[in-house]
Amino acid sequence: MDNLVLINKEDKIIIQKAAYIEHGSYIEIKGIEIALWEIPYGGGEPYLVDKYGTLEDAISNMNKLT
């Protein structure tokens, strides 16, 4: 993955490929939980793809989605 955008919110960190995404995937880190979410093409509510034990696994699977 060449570019990453990190967004630090009050209780979580979000990692995504662009500053703004309408569809695609992002990683959400909340405490020790690392979750991969996907926003359907054309918009809609994000859905959980899976949870991972490492950030590397989450990034690897994120790259497989897009």
PDB file of N, CA and C in Angstrom:
ATOM      1  N   MET A   1       0.855  -1.161   0.000  1.00  0.00           N
ATOM      2  CA  MET A   1       0.000   0.000   0.000  1.00  0.00           C
ATOM      3  C   MET A   1       0.904   1.228   0.000  1.00  0.00           C
ATOM      4  N   ASP A   2       0.741   2.093  -0.982  1.00  0.00           N
ATOM      5  CA  ASP A   2       1.613   3.241  -1.122  1.00  0.00           C
ATOM      6  C   ASP A   2       1.250   4.397  -0.205  1.00  0.00           C
ATOM      7  N   ASN A   3      -0.023   4.733  -0.128  1.00  0.00           N
ATOM      8  CA  ASN A   3      -0.467   5.885   0.644  1.00  0.00           C
ATOM      9  C   ASN A   3      -1.456   5.464   1.709  1.00  0.00           C
ATOM     10  N   LEU A   4      -1.303   6.054   2.878  1.00  0.00           N
ATOM     11  CA  LEU A   4      -2.235   5.810   3.974  1.00  0.00           C
ATOM     12  C   LEU A   4      -2.625   7.135   4.594  1.00  0.00           C
ATOM     13  N   VAL A   5      -3.864   7.226   5.000  1.00  0.00           N
ATOM     14  CA  VAL A   5      -4.340   8.385   5.735  1.00  0.00           C
ATOM     15  C   VAL A   5      -4.719   7.894   7.124  1.00  0.00           C
ATOM     16  N   LEU A   6      -4.149   8.499   8.139  1.00  0.00           N
ATOM     17  CA  LEU A   6      -4.464   8.152   9.514  1.00  0.00           C
ATOM     18  C   LEU A   6      -5.371   9.216  10.097  1.00  0.00           C
ATOM     19  N   ILE A   7      -6.474   8.789  10.670  1.00  0.00           N
ATOM     20  CA  ILE A   7      -7.415   9.710  11.297  1.00  0.00           C
ATOM     21  C   ILE A   7      -7.514   9.310  12.760  1.00  0.00           C
ATOM     22  N   ASN A   8      -7.112  10.203  13.638  1.00  0.00           N
ATOM     23  CA  ASN A   8      -7.132   9.925  15.069  1.00  0.00           C
ATOM     24  C   ASN A   8      -8.387  10.552  15.667  1.00  0.00           C
ATOM     25  N   LYS A   9      -9.312   9.702  16.065  1.00  0.00           N
ATOM     26  CA  LYS A   9     -10.543  10.174  16.705  1.00  0.00           C
ATOM     27  C   LYS A   9     -10.410   9.969  18.206  1.00  0.00           C
ATOM     28  N   GLU A  10     -11.414  10.323  18.952  1.00  0.00           N
ATOM     29  CA  GLU A  10     -11.351  10.254  20.412  1.00  0.00           C
ATOM     30  C   GLU A  10     -10.949   8.891  20.930  1.00  0.00           C
ATOM     31  N   ASP A  11     -11.567   7.835  20.427  1.00  0.00           N
ATOM     32  CA  ASP A  11     -11.305   6.510  20.978  1.00  0.00           C
ATOM     33  C   ASP A  11     -10.833   5.495  19.945  1.00  0.00           C
ATOM     34  N   LYS A  12     -10.463   5.969  18.740  1.00  0.00           N
ATOM     35  CA  LYS A  12     -10.028   5.032  17.709  1.00  0.00           C
ATOM     36  C   LYS A  12      -9.139   5.701  16.681  1.00  0.00           C
ATOM     37  N   ILE A  13      -8.432   4.869  15.931  1.00  0.00           N
ATOM     38  CA  ILE A  13      -7.605   5.318  14.814  1.00  0.00           C
ATOM     39  C   ILE A  13      -8.159   4.656  13.565  1.00  0.00           C
ATOM     40  N   ILE A  14      -8.320   5.432  12.508  1.00  0.00           N
ATOM     41  CA  ILE A  14      -8.813   4.903  11.240  1.00  0.00           C
ATOM     42  C   ILE A  14      -7.701   5.031  10.207  1.00  0.00           C
ATOM     43  N   ILE A  15      -7.475   3.950   9.464  1.00  0.00           N
ATOM     44  CA  ILE A  15      -6.475   3.927   8.404  1.00  0.00           C
ATOM     45  C   ILE A  15      -7.212   3.668   7.095  1.00  0.00           C
ATOM     46  N   GLN A  16      -7.013   4.557   6.118  1.00  0.00           N
ATOM     47  CA  GLN A  16      -7.657   4.403   4.822  1.00  0.00           C
ATOM     48  C   GLN A  16      -6.723   4.905   3.738  1.00  0.00           C
ATOM     49  N   LYS A  17      -7.084   4.640   2.484  1.00  0.00           N
ATOM     50  CA  LYS A  17      -6.205   4.960   1.365  1.00  0.00           C
ATOM     51  C   LYS A  17      -6.352   6.386   0.849  1.00  0.00           C
ATOM     52  N   ALA A  18      -7.393   7.098   1.241  1.00  0.00           N
ATOM     53  CA  ALA A  18      -7.622   8.468   0.778  1.00  0.00           C
ATOM     54  C   ALA A  18      -8.222   9.281   1.916  1.00  0.00           C
ATOM     55  N   ALA A  19      -8.120  10.588   1.796  1.00  0.00           N
ATOM     56  CA  ALA A  19      -8.659  11.453   2.848  1.00  0.00           C
ATOM     57  C   ALA A  19     -10.162  11.300   2.990  1.00  0.00           C
ATOM     58  N   TYR A  20     -10.836  11.008   1.865  1.00  0.00           N
ATOM     59  CA  TYR A  20     -12.286  10.824   1.886  1.00  0.00           C
ATOM     60  C   TYR A  20     -12.619   9.609   1.027  1.00  0.00           C
ATOM     61  N   ILE A  21     -13.432   8.713   1.553  1.00  0.00           N
ATOM     62  CA  ILE A  21     -13.835   7.549   0.758  1.00  0.00           C
ATOM     63  C   ILE A  21     -15.356   7.439   0.741  1.00  0.00           C
ATOM     64  N   GLU A  22     -15.911   7.231  -0.448  1.00  0.00           N
ATOM     65  CA  GLU A  22     -17.350   7.015  -0.598  1.00  0.00           C
ATOM     66  C   GLU A  22     -17.654   5.521  -0.624  1.00  0.00           C
ATOM     67  N   HIS A  23     -16.705   4.743  -1.147  1.00  0.00           N
ATOM     68  CA  HIS A  23     -16.804   3.298  -1.161  1.00  0.00           C
ATOM     69  C   HIS A  23     -15.380   2.758  -1.093  1.00  0.00           C
ATOM     70  N   GLY A  24     -15.236   1.582  -0.600  1.00  0.00           N
ATOM     71  CA  GLY A  24     -13.917   1.002  -0.411  1.00  0.00           C
ATOM     72  C   GLY A  24     -13.800   0.491   1.010  1.00  0.00           C
ATOM     73  N   SER A  25     -12.580   0.389   1.482  1.00  0.00           N
ATOM     74  CA  SER A  25     -12.373  -0.206   2.797  1.00  0.00           C
ATOM     75  C   SER A  25     -11.500   0.675   3.676  1.00  0.00           C
ATOM     76  N   TYR A  26     -11.595   0.421   4.965  1.00  0.00           N
ATOM     77  CA  TYR A  26     -10.754   1.116   5.929  1.00  0.00           C
ATOM     78  C   TYR A  26     -10.544   0.205   7.137  1.00  0.00           C
ATOM     79  N   ILE A  27      -9.492   0.490   7.870  1.00  0.00           N
ATOM     80  CA  ILE A  27      -9.148  -0.261   9.077  1.00  0.00           C
ATOM     81  C   ILE A  27      -9.438   0.629  10.272  1.00  0.00           C
ATOM     82  N   GLU A  28     -10.076   0.061  11.261  1.00  0.00           N
ATOM     83  CA  GLU A  28     -10.391   0.795  12.485  1.00  0.00           C
ATOM     84  C   GLU A  28      -9.704   0.098  13.656  1.00  0.00           C
ATOM     85  N   ILE A  29      -8.901   0.854  14.388  1.00  0.00           N
ATOM     86  CA  ILE A  29      -8.212   0.335  15.569  1.00  0.00           C
ATOM     87  C   ILE A  29      -8.831   0.992  16.783  1.00  0.00           C
ATOM     88  N   LYS A  30      -9.402   0.170  17.645  1.00  0.00           N
ATOM     89  CA  LYS A  30     -10.051   0.663  18.855  1.00  0.00           C
ATOM     90  C   LYS A  30      -9.537  -0.194  20.006  1.00  0.00           C
ATOM     91  N   GLY A  31      -8.713   0.402  20.861  1.00  0.00           N
ATOM     92  CA  GLY A  31      -8.070  -0.385  21.916  1.00  0.00           C
ATOM     93  C   GLY A  31      -7.134  -1.393  21.271  1.00  0.00           C
ATOM     94  N   ILE A  32      -7.331  -2.676  21.579  1.00  0.00           N
ATOM     95  CA  ILE A  32      -6.499  -3.713  20.959  1.00  0.00           C
ATOM     96  C   ILE A  32      -7.194  -4.389  19.776  1.00  0.00           C
ATOM     97  N   GLU A  33      -8.393  -3.934  19.456  1.00  0.00           N
ATOM     98  CA  GLU A  33      -9.165  -4.529  18.367  1.00  0.00           C
ATOM     99  C   GLU A  33      -8.823  -3.866  17.036  1.00  0.00           C
ATOM    100  N   ILE A  34      -8.500  -4.695  16.037  1.00  0.00           N
ATOM    101  CA  ILE A  34      -8.188  -4.223  14.689  1.00  0.00           C
ATOM    102  C   ILE A  34      -9.237  -4.813  13.752  1.00  0.00           C
ATOM    103  N   ALA A  35     -10.064  -3.955  13.172  1.00  0.00           N
ATOM    104  CA  ALA A  35     -11.174  -4.417  12.342  1.00  0.00           C
ATOM    105  C   ALA A  35     -11.084  -3.811  10.946  1.00  0.00           C
ATOM    106  N   LEU A  36     -11.417  -4.615   9.950  1.00  0.00           N
ATOM    107  CA  LEU A  36     -11.478  -4.164   8.567  1.00  0.00           C
ATOM    108  C   LEU A  36     -12.944  -3.974   8.188  1.00  0.00           C
ATOM    109  N   TRP A  37     -13.260  -2.786   7.699  1.00  0.00           N
ATOM    110  CA  TRP A  37     -14.628  -2.434   7.303  1.00  0.00           C
ATOM    111  C   TRP A  37     -14.643  -2.122   5.816  1.00  0.00           C
ATOM    112  N   GLU A  38     -15.790  -2.367   5.175  1.00  0.00           N
ATOM    113  CA  GLU A  38     -15.937  -2.011   3.771  1.00  0.00           C
ATOM    114  C   GLU A  38     -17.227  -1.216   3.582  1.00  0.00           C
ATOM    115  N   ILE A  39     -17.131  -0.163   2.766  1.00  0.00           N
ATOM    116  CA  ILE A  39     -18.289   0.637   2.391  1.00  0.00           C
ATOM    117  C   ILE A  39     -18.696   0.171   0.994  1.00  0.00           C
ATOM    118  N   PRO A  40     -19.932  -0.262   0.802  1.00  0.00           N
ATOM    119  CA  PRO A  40     -20.357  -0.770  -0.504  1.00  0.00           C
ATOM    120  C   PRO A  40     -20.231   0.288  -1.607  1.00  0.00           C
ATOM    121  N   TYR A  41     -19.962  -0.182  -2.825  1.00  0.00           N
ATOM    122  CA  TYR A  41     -19.913   0.710  -3.978  1.00  0.00           C
ATOM    123  C   TYR A  41     -21.258   1.416  -4.109  1.00  0.00           C
ATOM    124  N   GLY A  42     -21.232   2.714  -4.308  1.00  0.00           N
ATOM    125  CA  GLY A  42     -22.452   3.499  -4.415  1.00  0.00           C
ATOM    126  C   GLY A  42     -22.953   4.005  -3.074  1.00  0.00           C
ATOM    127  N   GLY A  43     -22.206   3.704  -2.012  1.00  0.00           N
ATOM    128  CA  GLY A  43     -22.578   4.191  -0.693  1.00  0.00           C
ATOM    129  C   GLY A  43     -23.324   3.154   0.122  1.00  0.00           C
ATOM    130  N   GLY A  44     -23.744   3.557   1.273  1.00  0.00           N
ATOM    131  CA  GLY A  44     -24.425   2.653   2.181  1.00  0.00           C
ATOM    132  C   GLY A  44     -23.663   2.532   3.481  1.00  0.00           C
ATOM    133  N   GLU A  45     -24.183   1.738   4.363  1.00  0.00           N
ATOM    134  CA  GLU A  45     -23.560   1.562   5.669  1.00  0.00           C
ATOM    135  C   GLU A  45     -22.348   0.631   5.576  1.00  0.00           C
ATOM    136  N   PRO A  46     -21.252   1.016   6.226  1.00  0.00           N
ATOM    137  CA  PRO A  46     -20.094   0.120   6.260  1.00  0.00           C
ATOM    138  C   PRO A  46     -20.459  -1.200   6.944  1.00  0.00           C
ATOM    139  N   TYR A  47     -19.825  -2.278   6.499  1.00  0.00           N
ATOM    140  CA  TYR A  47     -20.031  -3.565   7.162  1.00  0.00           C
ATOM    141  C   TYR A  47     -18.681  -4.168   7.537  1.00  0.00           C
ATOM    142  N   LEU A  48     -18.697  -4.912   8.603  1.00  0.00           N
ATOM    143  CA  LEU A  48     -17.478  -5.532   9.118  1.00  0.00           C
ATOM    144  C   LEU A  48     -17.066  -6.683   8.222  1.00  0.00           C
ATOM    145  N   VAL A  49     -15.828  -6.635   7.731  1.00  0.00           N
ATOM    146  CA  VAL A  49     -15.278  -7.732   6.938  1.00  0.00           C
ATOM    147  C   VAL A  49     -14.753  -8.798   7.890  1.00  0.00           C
ATOM    148  N   ASP A  50     -13.887  -8.377   8.838  1.00  0.00           N
ATOM    149  CA  ASP A  50     -13.326  -9.311   9.815  1.00  0.00           C
ATOM    150  C   ASP A  50     -12.496  -8.533  10.821  1.00  0.00           C
ATOM    151  N   LYS A  51     -12.097  -9.221  11.882  1.00  0.00           N
ATOM    152  CA  LYS A  51     -11.184  -8.664  12.880  1.00  0.00           C
ATOM    153  C   LYS A  51      -9.876  -9.432  12.791  1.00  0.00           C
ATOM    154  N   TYR A  52      -8.761  -8.742  13.084  1.00  0.00           N
ATOM    155  CA  TYR A  52      -7.436  -9.320  12.893  1.00  0.00           C
ATOM    156  C   TYR A  52      -6.575  -9.143  14.130  1.00  0.00           C
ATOM    157  N   GLY A  53      -5.602 -10.028  14.254  1.00  0.00           N
ATOM    158  CA  GLY A  53      -4.684  -9.975  15.379  1.00  0.00           C
ATOM    159  C   GLY A  53      -3.537  -9.004  15.179  1.00  0.00           C
ATOM    160  N   THR A  54      -3.244  -8.682  13.910  1.00  0.00           N
ATOM    161  CA  THR A  54      -2.155  -7.747  13.625  1.00  0.00           C
ATOM    162  C   THR A  54      -2.590  -6.743  12.565  1.00  0.00           C
ATOM    163  N   LEU A  55      -1.953  -5.600  12.587  1.00  0.00           N
ATOM    164  CA  LEU A  55      -2.213  -4.575  11.578  1.00  0.00           C
ATOM    165  C   LEU A  55      -1.772  -5.064  10.202  1.00  0.00           C
ATOM    166  N   GLU A  56      -0.677  -5.810  10.153  1.00  0.00           N
ATOM    167  CA  GLU A  56      -0.185  -6.340   8.877  1.00  0.00           C
ATOM    168  C   GLU A  56      -1.231  -7.237   8.211  1.00  0.00           C
ATOM    169  N   ASP A  57      -1.881  -8.088   8.993  1.00  0.00           N
ATOM    170  CA  ASP A  57      -2.931  -8.958   8.439  1.00  0.00           C
ATOM    171  C   ASP A  57      -4.104  -8.137   7.927  1.00  0.00           C
ATOM    172  N   ALA A  58      -4.476  -7.109   8.664  1.00  0.00           N
ATOM    173  CA  ALA A  58      -5.598  -6.259   8.243  1.00  0.00           C
ATOM    174  C   ALA A  58      -5.260  -5.531   6.940  1.00  0.00           C
ATOM    175  N   ILE A  59      -4.060  -4.994   6.828  1.00  0.00           N
ATOM    176  CA  ILE A  59      -3.637  -4.290   5.610  1.00  0.00           C
ATOM    177  C   ILE A  59      -3.579  -5.249   4.440  1.00  0.00           C
ATOM    178  N   SER A  60      -3.048  -6.439   4.661  1.00  0.00           N
ATOM    179  CA  SER A  60      -2.968  -7.432   3.606  1.00  0.00           C
ATOM    180  C   SER A  60      -4.350  -7.772   3.065  1.00  0.00           C
ATOM    181  N   ASN A  61      -5.303  -7.978   3.933  1.00  0.00           N
ATOM    182  CA  ASN A  61      -6.655  -8.294   3.506  1.00  0.00           C
ATOM    183  C   ASN A  61      -7.367  -7.095   2.907  1.00  0.00           C
ATOM    184  N   MET A  62      -7.038  -5.896   3.358  1.00  0.00           N
ATOM    185  CA  MET A  62      -7.594  -4.680   2.770  1.00  0.00           C
ATOM    186  C   MET A  62      -7.157  -4.575   1.310  1.00  0.00           C
ATOM    187  N   ASN A  63      -5.897  -4.899   1.046  1.00  0.00           N
ATOM    188  CA  ASN A  63      -5.375  -4.831  -0.323  1.00  0.00           C
ATOM    189  C   ASN A  63      -6.049  -5.848  -1.242  1.00  0.00           C
ATOM    190  N   LYS A  64      -6.528  -6.941  -0.692  1.00  0.00           N
ATOM    191  CA  LYS A  64      -7.222  -7.951  -1.495  1.00  0.00           C
ATOM    192  C   LYS A  64      -8.612  -7.491  -1.899  1.00  0.00           C
ATOM    193  N   LEU A  65      -9.209  -6.565  -1.128  1.00  0.00           N
ATOM    194  CA  LEU A  65     -10.561  -6.106  -1.403  1.00  0.00           C
ATOM    195  C   LEU A  65     -10.621  -5.113  -2.552  1.00  0.00           C
ATOM    196  N   THR A  66      -9.587  -4.309  -2.701  1.00  0.00           N
ATOM    197  CA  THR A  66      -9.661  -3.237  -3.715  1.00  0.00           C
ATOM    198  C   THR A  66      -8.630  -3.399  -4.782  1.00  0.00           C
TER     199      THR A  66
END
